[in-house]
Amino acid sequence: MKKLILSTAILLGSLSMQAENTVLTTNAVNTVKYQDDYKEVDAVPAAIKKSLDEAYPGVKLEKAFVNSNKEYKIEITVRGEKSIVYTDATGNILKK
């Protein structure tokens, strides 16, 4: 009789201890602000104009910006599509 009661207690105890997985949902939003130190300029060197004309026939320069490393950020329009191109002072197109 003791074994029956003990077996029943163990059986009922094991049924009542059900492990529950809790799912934690967190909405994390990472915001990255890219601080560029480009300043607008009125004119770009001739080497840049020449390399842009060779790379993009029919290019139209909209705005030009320069940073402290003499890298240029140039807003251009080619066949009605606007784009941004990065170059150095010698006209080499940079990939960013």
Protein backbone atom coordinates (compact mmCIF):
# COMPACT_ATOMS: atom_id res chain seq x y z
CA MET A 1 0.00 0.00 0.00
CA LYS A 2 2.88 2.36 0.79
CA LYS A 3 4.42 1.66 -2.60
CA LEU A 4 1.10 2.40 -4.33
CA ILE A 5 0.70 5.74 -2.56
CA LEU A 6 4.35 6.62 -3.12
CA SER A 7 4.13 5.69 -6.83
CA THR A 8 0.94 7.74 -7.23
CA ALA A 9 2.54 10.76 -5.52
CA ILE A 10 5.61 10.53 -7.78
CA LEU A 11 3.46 10.11 -10.87
CA LEU A 12 1.20 13.06 -10.04
CA GLY A 13 4.19 15.17 -9.03
CA SER A 14 5.94 14.57 -12.32
CA LEU A 15 2.80 15.44 -14.29
CA SER A 16 2.37 18.74 -12.52
CA MET A 17 5.95 19.89 -13.18
CA GLN A 18 5.68 20.66 -16.87
CA ALA A 19 8.44 22.80 -18.22
CA GLU A 20 7.24 25.75 -20.20
CA ASN A 21 9.42 27.50 -22.71
CA THR A 22 9.03 31.22 -22.52
CA VAL A 23 9.51 33.13 -25.71
CA LEU A 24 10.90 36.59 -25.29
CA THR A 25 10.23 38.97 -28.10
CA THR A 26 12.10 42.20 -28.17
CA ASN A 27 11.93 44.74 -30.90
CA ALA A 28 15.40 46.19 -31.22
CA VAL A 29 15.98 49.05 -33.59
CA ASN A 30 19.56 50.02 -34.27
CA THR A 31 20.00 53.48 -35.63
CA VAL A 32 23.24 54.36 -37.29
CA LYS A 33 23.94 57.96 -38.10
CA TYR A 34 26.71 58.39 -40.60
CA GLN A 35 28.33 61.72 -39.96
CA ASP A 36 30.05 62.89 -43.07
CA ASP A 37 32.01 66.08 -42.96
CA TYR A 38 31.46 67.08 -46.57
CA LYS A 39 31.17 70.79 -47.34
CA GLU A 40 29.58 72.07 -50.52
CA VAL A 41 31.89 73.57 -53.14
CA ASP A 42 31.13 75.53 -56.27
CA ALA A 43 33.66 73.94 -58.63
CA VAL A 44 35.52 70.66 -58.95
CA PRO A 45 38.98 70.06 -60.43
CA ALA A 46 39.22 69.47 -64.16
CA ALA A 47 40.53 65.92 -63.58
CA ILE A 48 37.26 65.00 -61.88
CA LYS A 49 35.16 66.47 -64.68
CA LYS A 50 37.23 64.57 -67.26
CA SER A 51 36.97 61.21 -65.44
CA LEU A 52 33.20 61.63 -64.95
CA ASP A 53 32.73 62.44 -68.65
CA GLU A 54 34.68 59.30 -69.57
CA ALA A 55 32.87 57.07 -67.08
CA TYR A 56 29.36 58.47 -67.62
CA PRO A 57 28.80 59.97 -71.10
CA GLY A 58 26.30 62.82 -70.96
CA VAL A 59 26.80 63.42 -67.23
CA LYS A 60 25.51 66.60 -65.62
CA LEU A 61 27.01 67.71 -62.30
CA GLU A 62 24.31 68.89 -59.88
CA LYS A 63 26.18 69.48 -56.60
CA ALA A 64 29.69 68.85 -55.35
CA PHE A 65 30.96 68.39 -51.81
CA VAL A 66 34.48 67.90 -50.44
CA ASN A 67 35.74 66.58 -47.10
CA SER A 68 38.99 67.06 -45.18
CA ASN A 69 40.63 64.12 -47.00
CA LYS A 70 40.04 65.82 -50.38
CA GLU A 71 37.44 63.22 -51.33
CA TYR A 72 34.59 64.54 -53.40
CA LYS A 73 30.94 63.55 -53.14
CA ILE A 74 29.29 64.54 -56.40
CA GLU A 75 25.58 64.44 -57.16
CA ILE A 76 25.14 63.77 -60.87
CA THR A 77 22.36 63.18 -63.37
CA VAL A 78 22.85 60.75 -66.24
CA ARG A 79 20.01 60.29 -68.72
CA GLY A 80 17.47 61.58 -66.18
CA GLU A 81 18.66 59.34 -63.33
CA LYS A 82 20.20 60.96 -60.26
CA SER A 83 23.14 59.33 -58.56
CA ILE A 84 25.97 60.05 -56.13
CA VAL A 85 29.60 59.39 -57.06
CA TYR A 86 32.62 59.58 -54.76
CA THR A 87 35.99 60.56 -56.22
CA ASP A 88 39.38 61.70 -55.02
CA ALA A 89 41.07 64.93 -56.11
CA THR A 90 42.78 63.24 -59.09
CA GLY A 91 39.50 61.94 -60.52
CA ASN A 92 39.69 58.30 -59.40
CA ILE A 93 36.20 57.01 -58.65
CA LEU A 94 35.97 55.58 -55.13
CA LYS A 95 33.65 52.82 -53.97
CA LYS A 96 31.65 53.61 -50.83
